[in-house]
Amino acid sequence: RDQTGLSCNLAIQDEHSVVVISKVAAPTPFVSTVHVGTRLPLHATLLGRVLLSDMKPADLLTLYPDDTLPKFSERTPSNTAMLYELICQDAKRGYGYDEGYFEPEVGSAAVAVRNKHGHIVAVLGVTIPVSYLRSGKLDTSQLVNTVRTAATELSQLLGYHSHSPSAV
């Protein structure tokens, strides 16, 4: 938060939900409705997409057996194939980034946190007011690198050691 000036969240997966387990609010008047303990729909949030980014189509069908996903916004994927396409894009980049995905006026950047076995155990994300994005004052590539660095440090504290920069 100190490096980005943005609210930061650490979240985990609990069945079909993302659960925020830690939050540090931005030193700005931007008000977020997300607090420690907040549960959000896993498939409909960027944090959830990143938590799912190691899953295969069969894993998603196990998690969502009826293949139909509830809509929370016009951009929410309505089935597992659509969700899989999004998480593949995030996995390929090594991070998630989106504007207005769950809430129209909120953007996010998020990176997976991995344990010593390389499994995703949490996600670190920043919340970005879309108005701030539109102002042109934000270097998104620098922001993503800052989040990636912090998530890598957390992963290393959990015993994760990557031999490939794209693995995190």
N, C-alpha and C. Protein backbone atom coordinates (compact mmCIF):
# COMPACT_ATOMS: atom_id res chain seq x y z
N ARG A 1 0.82 -1.19 0.00
CA ARG A 1 0.00 0.00 0.00
C ARG A 1 0.86 1.25 0.00
N ASP A 2 1.94 1.21 0.75
CA ASP A 2 2.80 2.39 0.81
C ASP A 2 3.46 2.68 -0.54
N GLN A 3 3.79 1.65 -1.30
CA GLN A 3 4.43 1.85 -2.59
C GLN A 3 3.44 2.23 -3.68
N THR A 4 2.20 1.76 -3.57
CA THR A 4 1.21 2.02 -4.63
C THR A 4 0.25 3.15 -4.29
N GLY A 5 0.03 3.41 -3.00
CA GLY A 5 -0.97 4.38 -2.58
C GLY A 5 -2.39 3.85 -2.73
N LEU A 6 -2.52 2.53 -2.95
CA LEU A 6 -3.82 1.90 -3.18
C LEU A 6 -4.15 0.89 -2.08
N SER A 7 -5.43 0.62 -1.90
CA SER A 7 -5.84 -0.41 -0.95
C SER A 7 -5.35 -1.76 -1.43
N CYS A 8 -4.87 -2.56 -0.50
CA CYS A 8 -4.35 -3.90 -0.81
C CYS A 8 -5.12 -4.95 -0.02
N ASN A 9 -5.38 -6.07 -0.68
CA ASN A 9 -6.10 -7.18 -0.05
C ASN A 9 -5.31 -8.46 -0.23
N LEU A 10 -5.35 -9.29 0.80
CA LEU A 10 -4.85 -10.65 0.72
C LEU A 10 -6.06 -11.53 0.91
N ALA A 11 -6.27 -12.47 0.00
CA ALA A 11 -7.49 -13.29 0.04
C ALA A 11 -7.17 -14.75 -0.23
N ILE A 12 -8.08 -15.61 0.24
CA ILE A 12 -7.97 -17.04 0.01
C ILE A 12 -9.28 -17.56 -0.57
N GLN A 13 -9.24 -18.79 -1.04
CA GLN A 13 -10.45 -19.44 -1.56
C GLN A 13 -11.10 -20.27 -0.46
N ASP A 14 -12.41 -20.17 -0.35
CA ASP A 14 -13.21 -21.04 0.50
C ASP A 14 -14.40 -21.49 -0.33
N GLU A 15 -14.30 -22.69 -0.86
CA GLU A 15 -15.30 -23.25 -1.77
C GLU A 15 -15.54 -22.31 -2.95
N HIS A 16 -16.73 -21.72 -3.05
CA HIS A 16 -17.06 -20.85 -4.19
C HIS A 16 -16.86 -19.37 -3.88
N SER A 17 -16.13 -19.08 -2.82
CA SER A 17 -15.93 -17.70 -2.40
C SER A 17 -14.47 -17.33 -2.30
N VAL A 18 -14.22 -16.05 -2.50
CA VAL A 18 -12.96 -15.41 -2.15
C VAL A 18 -13.21 -14.81 -0.78
N VAL A 19 -12.30 -15.04 0.16
CA VAL A 19 -12.44 -14.47 1.50
C VAL A 19 -11.24 -13.57 1.77
N VAL A 20 -11.50 -12.32 2.06
CA VAL A 20 -10.43 -11.37 2.36
C VAL A 20 -9.94 -11.65 3.78
N ILE A 21 -8.64 -11.95 3.90
CA ILE A 21 -8.08 -12.28 5.22
C ILE A 21 -7.20 -11.16 5.77
N SER A 22 -6.85 -10.20 4.91
CA SER A 22 -6.07 -9.05 5.37
C SER A 22 -6.32 -7.90 4.41
N LYS A 23 -6.37 -6.70 4.96
CA LYS A 23 -6.59 -5.51 4.13
C LYS A 23 -5.87 -4.33 4.75
N VAL A 24 -5.25 -3.56 3.87
CA VAL A 24 -4.66 -2.29 4.28
C VAL A 24 -5.26 -1.24 3.36
N ALA A 25 -6.00 -0.31 3.94
CA ALA A 25 -6.72 0.70 3.16
C ALA A 25 -5.77 1.78 2.64
N ALA A 26 -6.15 2.33 1.50
CA ALA A 26 -5.38 3.43 0.91
C ALA A 26 -5.54 4.68 1.75
N PRO A 27 -4.53 5.53 1.77
CA PRO A 27 -4.62 6.80 2.50
C PRO A 27 -5.34 7.87 1.69
N THR A 28 -6.47 7.50 1.07
CA THR A 28 -7.23 8.42 0.23
C THR A 28 -8.69 8.35 0.65
N PRO A 29 -9.50 9.24 0.13
CA PRO A 29 -10.92 9.21 0.49
C PRO A 29 -11.71 8.10 -0.20
N PHE A 30 -11.09 7.31 -1.11
CA PHE A 30 -11.79 6.22 -1.78
C PHE A 30 -12.30 5.24 -0.74
N VAL A 31 -13.60 4.98 -0.77
CA VAL A 31 -14.21 4.08 0.21
C VAL A 31 -14.46 2.73 -0.45
N SER A 32 -13.94 1.68 0.16
CA SER A 32 -14.13 0.33 -0.34
C SER A 32 -15.08 -0.41 0.59
N THR A 33 -15.93 -1.22 0.02
CA THR A 33 -16.86 -2.01 0.84
C THR A 33 -16.25 -3.35 1.23
N VAL A 34 -15.00 -3.58 0.84
CA VAL A 34 -14.33 -4.83 1.16
C VAL A 34 -13.54 -4.67 2.45
N HIS A 35 -13.80 -5.56 3.39
CA HIS A 35 -13.11 -5.57 4.68
C HIS A 35 -12.67 -6.99 4.99
N VAL A 36 -11.85 -7.16 6.01
CA VAL A 36 -11.45 -8.50 6.43
C VAL A 36 -12.71 -9.31 6.72
N GLY A 37 -12.77 -10.49 6.15
CA GLY A 37 -13.93 -11.36 6.32
C GLY A 37 -14.94 -11.27 5.19
N THR A 38 -14.80 -10.26 4.33
CA THR A 38 -15.72 -10.14 3.20
C THR A 38 -15.60 -11.36 2.30
N ARG A 39 -16.76 -11.90 1.89
CA ARG A 39 -16.82 -13.02 0.96
C ARG A 39 -17.36 -12.50 -0.37
N LEU A 40 -16.66 -12.84 -1.44
CA LEU A 40 -17.05 -12.43 -2.78
C LEU A 40 -17.14 -13.68 -3.66
N PRO A 41 -17.93 -13.63 -4.73
CA PRO A 41 -18.05 -14.79 -5.60
C PRO A 41 -16.73 -15.08 -6.33
N LEU A 42 -16.26 -16.28 -6.18
CA LEU A 42 -14.96 -16.69 -6.72
C LEU A 42 -14.86 -16.45 -8.23
N HIS A 43 -15.86 -16.87 -8.97
CA HIS A 43 -15.79 -16.80 -10.44
C HIS A 43 -16.01 -15.39 -10.99
N ALA A 44 -16.52 -14.49 -10.17
CA ALA A 44 -16.93 -13.18 -10.67
C ALA A 44 -16.00 -12.05 -10.26
N THR A 45 -14.87 -12.39 -9.62
CA THR A 45 -13.94 -11.36 -9.18
C THR A 45 -12.54 -11.65 -9.72
N LEU A 46 -11.76 -10.62 -9.88
CA LEU A 46 -10.38 -10.80 -10.34
C LEU A 46 -9.58 -11.61 -9.32
N LEU A 47 -9.78 -11.35 -8.04
CA LEU A 47 -9.07 -12.12 -7.02
C LEU A 47 -9.38 -13.61 -7.20
N GLY A 48 -10.65 -13.93 -7.44
CA GLY A 48 -11.04 -15.31 -7.65
C GLY A 48 -10.42 -15.91 -8.90
N ARG A 49 -10.41 -15.15 -9.97
CA ARG A 49 -9.81 -15.64 -11.22
C ARG A 49 -8.36 -16.04 -11.00
N VAL A 50 -7.61 -15.20 -10.27
CA VAL A 50 -6.21 -15.51 -10.03
C VAL A 50 -6.08 -16.74 -9.12
N LEU A 51 -6.96 -16.85 -8.12
CA LEU A 51 -6.94 -18.05 -7.27
C LEU A 51 -7.19 -19.32 -8.07
N LEU A 52 -7.96 -19.22 -9.13
CA LEU A 52 -8.31 -20.37 -9.97
C LEU A 52 -7.32 -20.61 -11.11
N SER A 53 -6.32 -19.76 -11.26
CA SER A 53 -5.53 -19.75 -12.49
C SER A 53 -4.69 -20.99 -12.76
N ASP A 54 -4.59 -21.92 -11.83
CA ASP A 54 -3.89 -23.18 -12.10
C ASP A 54 -4.87 -24.30 -12.47
N MET A 55 -6.16 -24.01 -12.44
CA MET A 55 -7.16 -25.05 -12.69
C MET A 55 -7.28 -25.42 -14.15
N LYS A 56 -7.61 -26.67 -14.37
CA LYS A 56 -7.92 -27.21 -15.69
C LYS A 56 -9.44 -27.23 -15.85
N PRO A 57 -9.95 -27.41 -17.08
CA PRO A 57 -11.41 -27.43 -17.27
C PRO A 57 -12.12 -28.47 -16.39
N ALA A 58 -11.52 -29.63 -16.21
CA ALA A 58 -12.15 -30.67 -15.37
C ALA A 58 -12.25 -30.21 -13.91
N ASP A 59 -11.22 -29.47 -13.44
CA ASP A 59 -11.25 -28.95 -12.07
C ASP A 59 -12.39 -27.95 -11.90
N LEU A 60 -12.57 -27.10 -12.90
CA LEU A 60 -13.66 -26.12 -12.83
C LEU A 60 -15.02 -26.80 -12.83
N LEU A 61 -15.16 -27.87 -13.62
CA LEU A 61 -16.44 -28.60 -13.64
C LEU A 61 -16.69 -29.33 -12.33
N THR A 62 -15.64 -29.72 -11.64
CA THR A 62 -15.79 -30.31 -10.31
C THR A 62 -16.28 -29.24 -9.33
N LEU A 63 -15.71 -28.05 -9.44
CA LEU A 63 -16.09 -26.94 -8.56
C LEU A 63 -17.50 -26.42 -8.90
N TYR A 64 -17.82 -26.38 -10.19
CA TYR A 64 -19.12 -25.89 -10.67
C TYR A 64 -19.76 -26.98 -11.54
N PRO A 65 -20.33 -28.04 -10.93
CA PRO A 65 -20.81 -29.19 -11.70
C PRO A 65 -21.92 -28.91 -12.70
N ASP A 66 -22.74 -27.91 -12.45
CA ASP A 66 -23.82 -27.66 -13.43
C ASP A 66 -23.37 -26.77 -14.58
N ASP A 67 -22.12 -26.30 -14.55
CA ASP A 67 -21.48 -25.53 -15.62
C ASP A 67 -22.09 -24.14 -15.82
N THR A 68 -23.15 -23.81 -15.13
CA THR A 68 -23.75 -22.48 -15.23
C THR A 68 -23.30 -21.65 -14.03
N LEU A 69 -22.83 -20.44 -14.31
CA LEU A 69 -22.32 -19.57 -13.25
C LEU A 69 -23.26 -18.38 -13.07
N PRO A 70 -23.53 -18.03 -11.80
CA PRO A 70 -24.41 -16.88 -11.55
C PRO A 70 -23.78 -15.57 -12.04
N LYS A 71 -24.59 -14.71 -12.62
CA LYS A 71 -24.14 -13.41 -13.13
C LYS A 71 -24.18 -12.37 -11.99
N PHE A 72 -23.13 -11.59 -11.88
CA PHE A 72 -23.07 -10.50 -10.91
C PHE A 72 -22.88 -9.16 -11.60
N SER A 73 -22.42 -9.21 -12.85
CA SER A 73 -22.27 -8.01 -13.67
C SER A 73 -22.37 -8.47 -15.11
N GLU A 74 -22.41 -7.51 -16.01
CA GLU A 74 -22.49 -7.87 -17.43
C GLU A 74 -21.24 -8.61 -17.90
N ARG A 75 -20.14 -8.51 -17.17
CA ARG A 75 -18.89 -9.15 -17.56
C ARG A 75 -18.63 -10.48 -16.87
N THR A 76 -19.51 -10.89 -15.97
CA THR A 76 -19.34 -12.18 -15.29
C THR A 76 -19.46 -13.31 -16.30
N PRO A 77 -18.50 -14.25 -16.30
CA PRO A 77 -18.65 -15.40 -17.20
C PRO A 77 -19.87 -16.23 -16.79
N SER A 78 -20.62 -16.71 -17.77
CA SER A 78 -21.86 -17.43 -17.48
C SER A 78 -21.68 -18.95 -17.47
N ASN A 79 -20.48 -19.42 -17.86
CA ASN A 79 -20.22 -20.86 -17.81
C ASN A 79 -18.73 -21.09 -17.58
N THR A 80 -18.37 -22.35 -17.32
CA THR A 80 -16.98 -22.64 -16.99
C THR A 80 -16.03 -22.46 -18.17
N ALA A 81 -16.51 -22.64 -19.39
CA ALA A 81 -15.64 -22.44 -20.56
C ALA A 81 -15.21 -20.97 -20.65
N MET A 82 -16.14 -20.06 -20.42
CA MET A 82 -15.82 -18.63 -20.43
C MET A 82 -14.85 -18.29 -19.29
N LEU A 83 -15.10 -18.86 -18.11
CA LEU A 83 -14.22 -18.62 -16.96
C LEU A 83 -12.83 -19.17 -17.25
N TYR A 84 -12.77 -20.36 -17.83
CA TYR A 84 -11.48 -20.98 -18.13
C TYR A 84 -10.67 -20.10 -19.10
N GLU A 85 -11.31 -19.53 -20.06
CA GLU A 85 -10.62 -18.64 -21.00
C GLU A 85 -9.99 -17.45 -20.28
N LEU A 86 -10.74 -16.86 -19.34
CA LEU A 86 -10.22 -15.72 -18.58
C LEU A 86 -9.06 -16.12 -17.69
N ILE A 87 -9.19 -17.25 -16.98
CA ILE A 87 -8.11 -17.64 -16.07
C ILE A 87 -6.86 -18.07 -16.85
N CYS A 88 -7.04 -18.60 -18.05
CA CYS A 88 -5.88 -18.93 -18.89
C CYS A 88 -5.12 -17.66 -19.28
N GLN A 89 -5.86 -16.60 -19.60
CA GLN A 89 -5.21 -15.33 -19.94
C GLN A 89 -4.43 -14.80 -18.74
N ASP A 90 -5.04 -14.88 -17.55
CA ASP A 90 -4.35 -14.41 -16.34
C ASP A 90 -3.12 -15.26 -16.06
N ALA A 91 -3.26 -16.58 -16.18
CA ALA A 91 -2.14 -17.49 -15.91
C ALA A 91 -0.99 -17.25 -16.89
N LYS A 92 -1.31 -17.03 -18.14
CA LYS A 92 -0.28 -16.80 -19.17
C LYS A 92 0.51 -15.52 -18.87
N ARG A 93 -0.20 -14.47 -18.42
CA ARG A 93 0.46 -13.21 -18.07
C ARG A 93 1.23 -13.33 -16.76
N GLY A 94 0.75 -14.20 -15.87
CA GLY A 94 1.36 -14.31 -14.54
C GLY A 94 0.73 -13.35 -13.54
N TYR A 95 -0.36 -12.72 -13.92
CA TYR A 95 -1.09 -11.80 -13.04
C TYR A 95 -2.47 -11.57 -13.64
N GLY A 96 -3.34 -11.02 -12.81
CA GLY A 96 -4.65 -10.61 -13.30
C GLY A 96 -4.75 -9.10 -13.26
N TYR A 97 -5.39 -8.54 -14.27
CA TYR A 97 -5.63 -7.10 -14.31
C TYR A 97 -6.96 -6.89 -15.02
N ASP A 98 -7.80 -6.05 -14.45
CA ASP A 98 -9.07 -5.77 -15.09
C ASP A 98 -9.62 -4.46 -14.56
N GLU A 99 -10.47 -3.84 -15.37
CA GLU A 99 -11.15 -2.60 -14.98
C GLU A 99 -12.65 -2.84 -15.04
N GLY A 100 -13.32 -2.63 -13.93
CA GLY A 100 -14.77 -2.74 -13.91
C GLY A 100 -15.29 -4.16 -14.07
N TYR A 101 -14.53 -5.14 -13.66
CA TYR A 101 -14.93 -6.54 -13.85
C TYR A 101 -16.08 -6.93 -12.91
N PHE A 102 -15.92 -6.67 -11.62
CA PHE A 102 -16.97 -7.01 -10.65
C PHE A 102 -17.83 -5.80 -10.32
N GLU A 103 -17.17 -4.69 -10.10
CA GLU A 103 -17.86 -3.42 -9.83
C GLU A 103 -17.44 -2.43 -10.91
N PRO A 104 -18.39 -1.72 -11.52
CA PRO A 104 -18.06 -0.88 -12.67
C PRO A 104 -17.03 0.22 -12.41
N GLU A 105 -16.93 0.71 -11.21
CA GLU A 105 -16.02 1.83 -10.94
C GLU A 105 -14.75 1.40 -10.23
N VAL A 106 -14.46 0.09 -10.24
CA VAL A 106 -13.28 -0.42 -9.55
C VAL A 106 -12.44 -1.29 -10.48
N GLY A 107 -11.15 -1.01 -10.52
CA GLY A 107 -10.21 -1.84 -11.24
C GLY A 107 -9.37 -2.61 -10.24
N SER A 108 -8.65 -3.61 -10.72
CA SER A 108 -7.83 -4.44 -9.83
C SER A 108 -6.62 -4.98 -10.56
N ALA A 109 -5.58 -5.23 -9.80
CA ALA A 109 -4.43 -6.00 -10.25
C ALA A 109 -4.16 -7.01 -9.15
N ALA A 110 -3.87 -8.26 -9.53
CA ALA A 110 -3.68 -9.31 -8.53
C ALA A 110 -2.67 -10.34 -9.00
N VAL A 111 -1.94 -10.90 -8.03
CA VAL A 111 -0.93 -11.91 -8.30
C VAL A 111 -1.08 -13.03 -7.28
N ALA A 112 -0.89 -14.26 -7.74
CA ALA A 112 -1.00 -15.43 -6.87
C ALA A 112 0.14 -15.48 -5.86
N VAL A 113 -0.18 -16.02 -4.68
CA VAL A 113 0.81 -16.34 -3.65
C VAL A 113 0.86 -17.86 -3.59
N ARG A 114 2.07 -18.41 -3.67
CA ARG A 114 2.23 -19.87 -3.74
C ARG A 114 2.97 -20.41 -2.51
N ASN A 115 2.66 -21.67 -2.19
CA ASN A 115 3.36 -22.32 -1.08
C ASN A 115 4.61 -23.05 -1.60
N LYS A 116 5.29 -23.76 -0.70
CA LYS A 116 6.55 -24.41 -1.08
C LYS A 116 6.38 -25.49 -2.14
N HIS A 117 5.16 -25.98 -2.33
CA HIS A 117 4.88 -26.97 -3.36
C HIS A 117 4.49 -26.34 -4.69
N GLY A 118 4.41 -25.01 -4.72
CA GLY A 118 4.04 -24.30 -5.94
C GLY A 118 2.54 -24.12 -6.13
N HIS A 119 1.74 -24.53 -5.14
CA HIS A 119 0.29 -24.40 -5.23
C HIS A 119 -0.15 -23.00 -4.82
N ILE A 120 -1.15 -22.49 -5.51
CA ILE A 120 -1.71 -21.19 -5.15
C ILE A 120 -2.47 -21.34 -3.83
N VAL A 121 -2.08 -20.53 -2.84
CA VAL A 121 -2.73 -20.59 -1.53
C VAL A 121 -3.43 -19.28 -1.17
N ALA A 122 -3.10 -18.23 -1.90
CA ALA A 122 -3.70 -16.92 -1.63
C ALA A 122 -3.49 -16.05 -2.86
N VAL A 123 -4.07 -14.86 -2.81
CA VAL A 123 -3.89 -13.88 -3.86
C VAL A 123 -3.71 -12.51 -3.21
N LEU A 124 -2.78 -11.75 -3.75
CA LEU A 124 -2.54 -10.38 -3.29
C LEU A 124 -3.04 -9.45 -4.38
N GLY A 125 -3.90 -8.52 -4.01
CA GLY A 125 -4.45 -7.61 -5.00
C GLY A 125 -4.52 -6.18 -4.53
N VAL A 126 -4.55 -5.27 -5.50
CA VAL A 126 -4.76 -3.86 -5.21
C VAL A 126 -6.07 -3.43 -5.85
N THR A 127 -6.74 -2.52 -5.19
CA THR A 127 -8.01 -1.97 -5.67
C THR A 127 -7.76 -0.58 -6.22
N ILE A 128 -8.21 -0.36 -7.45
CA ILE A 128 -7.92 0.89 -8.15
C ILE A 128 -9.22 1.57 -8.55
N PRO A 129 -9.49 2.78 -8.06
CA PRO A 129 -10.67 3.50 -8.54
C PRO A 129 -10.53 3.76 -10.05
N VAL A 130 -11.54 3.43 -10.84
CA VAL A 130 -11.48 3.60 -12.29
C VAL A 130 -11.22 5.07 -12.63
N SER A 131 -11.73 5.98 -11.84
CA SER A 131 -11.48 7.41 -12.10
C SER A 131 -9.98 7.71 -12.04
N TYR A 132 -9.27 7.03 -11.16
CA TYR A 132 -7.82 7.18 -11.06
C TYR A 132 -7.15 6.63 -12.31
N LEU A 133 -7.65 5.51 -12.82
CA LEU A 133 -7.11 4.92 -14.05
C LEU A 133 -7.30 5.87 -15.23
N ARG A 134 -8.47 6.47 -15.31
CA ARG A 134 -8.78 7.37 -16.42
C ARG A 134 -7.98 8.67 -16.38
N SER A 135 -7.45 9.01 -15.22
CA SER A 135 -6.70 10.26 -15.08
C SER A 135 -5.35 10.19 -15.79
N GLY A 136 -4.88 8.96 -16.09
CA GLY A 136 -3.60 8.80 -16.75
C GLY A 136 -2.41 8.91 -15.82
N LYS A 137 -2.65 8.99 -14.52
CA LYS A 137 -1.57 9.16 -13.55
C LYS A 137 -0.95 7.82 -13.12
N LEU A 138 -1.52 6.72 -13.59
CA LEU A 138 -1.09 5.42 -13.11
C LEU A 138 -0.32 4.67 -14.20
N ASP A 139 0.86 4.20 -13.87
CA ASP A 139 1.64 3.33 -14.76
C ASP A 139 1.27 1.90 -14.38
N THR A 140 0.38 1.28 -15.16
CA THR A 140 -0.13 -0.05 -14.79
C THR A 140 0.97 -1.10 -14.81
N SER A 141 1.94 -0.98 -15.70
CA SER A 141 3.00 -2.00 -15.71
C SER A 141 3.86 -1.90 -14.45
N GLN A 142 4.12 -0.69 -13.99
CA GLN A 142 4.86 -0.51 -12.73
C GLN A 142 4.03 -1.03 -11.55
N LEU A 143 2.74 -0.75 -11.58
CA LEU A 143 1.85 -1.23 -10.52
C LEU A 143 1.86 -2.75 -10.46
N VAL A 144 1.72 -3.40 -11.60
CA VAL A 144 1.73 -4.87 -11.64
C VAL A 144 3.06 -5.40 -11.12
N ASN A 145 4.17 -4.77 -11.50
CA ASN A 145 5.48 -5.22 -11.00
C ASN A 145 5.60 -5.08 -9.49
N THR A 146 5.02 -4.02 -8.94
CA THR A 146 5.04 -3.83 -7.49
C THR A 146 4.24 -4.93 -6.80
N VAL A 147 3.06 -5.23 -7.32
CA VAL A 147 2.23 -6.29 -6.73
C VAL A 147 2.93 -7.64 -6.90
N ARG A 148 3.52 -7.88 -8.06
CA ARG A 148 4.23 -9.14 -8.31
C ARG A 148 5.39 -9.31 -7.32
N THR A 149 6.13 -8.25 -7.10
CA THR A 149 7.26 -8.31 -6.16
C THR A 149 6.77 -8.67 -4.75
N ALA A 150 5.70 -8.03 -4.31
CA ALA A 150 5.17 -8.31 -2.97
C ALA A 150 4.64 -9.74 -2.88
N ALA A 151 3.94 -10.21 -3.91
CA ALA A 151 3.42 -11.58 -3.90
C ALA A 151 4.57 -12.59 -3.94
N THR A 152 5.62 -12.28 -4.67
CA THR A 152 6.79 -13.16 -4.72
C THR A 152 7.45 -13.24 -3.35
N GLU A 153 7.56 -12.11 -2.66
CA GLU A 153 8.13 -12.11 -1.31
C GLU A 153 7.29 -12.96 -0.36
N LEU A 154 5.97 -12.83 -0.44
CA LEU A 154 5.09 -13.65 0.40
C LEU A 154 5.26 -15.13 0.06
N SER A 155 5.32 -15.45 -1.22
CA SER A 155 5.51 -16.83 -1.65
C SER A 155 6.82 -17.40 -1.13
N GLN A 156 7.87 -16.61 -1.20
CA GLN A 156 9.17 -17.06 -0.71
C GLN A 156 9.14 -17.30 0.79
N LEU A 157 8.40 -16.47 1.52
CA LEU A 157 8.26 -16.69 2.97
C LEU A 157 7.54 -18.01 3.26
N LEU A 158 6.73 -18.46 2.31
CA LEU A 158 6.04 -19.74 2.45
C LEU A 158 6.86 -20.90 1.89
N GLY A 159 8.09 -20.62 1.47
CA GLY A 159 8.99 -21.66 0.99
C GLY A 159 8.98 -21.88 -0.51
N TYR A 160 8.29 -21.03 -1.25
CA TYR A 160 8.23 -21.19 -2.71
C TYR A 160 9.48 -20.60 -3.34
N HIS A 161 10.07 -21.36 -4.25
CA HIS A 161 11.23 -20.88 -4.99
C HIS A 161 11.00 -21.16 -6.47
N SER A 162 10.88 -20.11 -7.22
CA SER A 162 10.63 -20.23 -8.64
C SER A 162 11.94 -20.15 -9.41
N HIS A 163 12.05 -20.97 -10.43
CA HIS A 163 13.20 -20.88 -11.32
C HIS A 163 12.84 -20.12 -12.58
N SER A 164 11.54 -19.73 -12.66
CA SER A 164 11.06 -19.03 -13.85
C SER A 164 10.31 -17.80 -13.42
N PRO A 165 10.67 -16.59 -13.94
CA PRO A 165 9.96 -15.37 -13.55
C PRO A 165 8.48 -15.40 -13.91
N SER A 166 8.10 -16.17 -14.92
CA SER A 166 6.69 -16.19 -15.31
C SER A 166 5.86 -17.12 -14.43
N ALA A 167 6.49 -17.88 -13.53
CA ALA A 167 5.76 -18.83 -12.72
C ALA A 167 4.94 -18.15 -11.63
N VAL A 168 5.30 -16.91 -11.29
CA VAL A 168 4.53 -16.22 -10.25
C VAL A 168 3.66 -15.17 -10.90
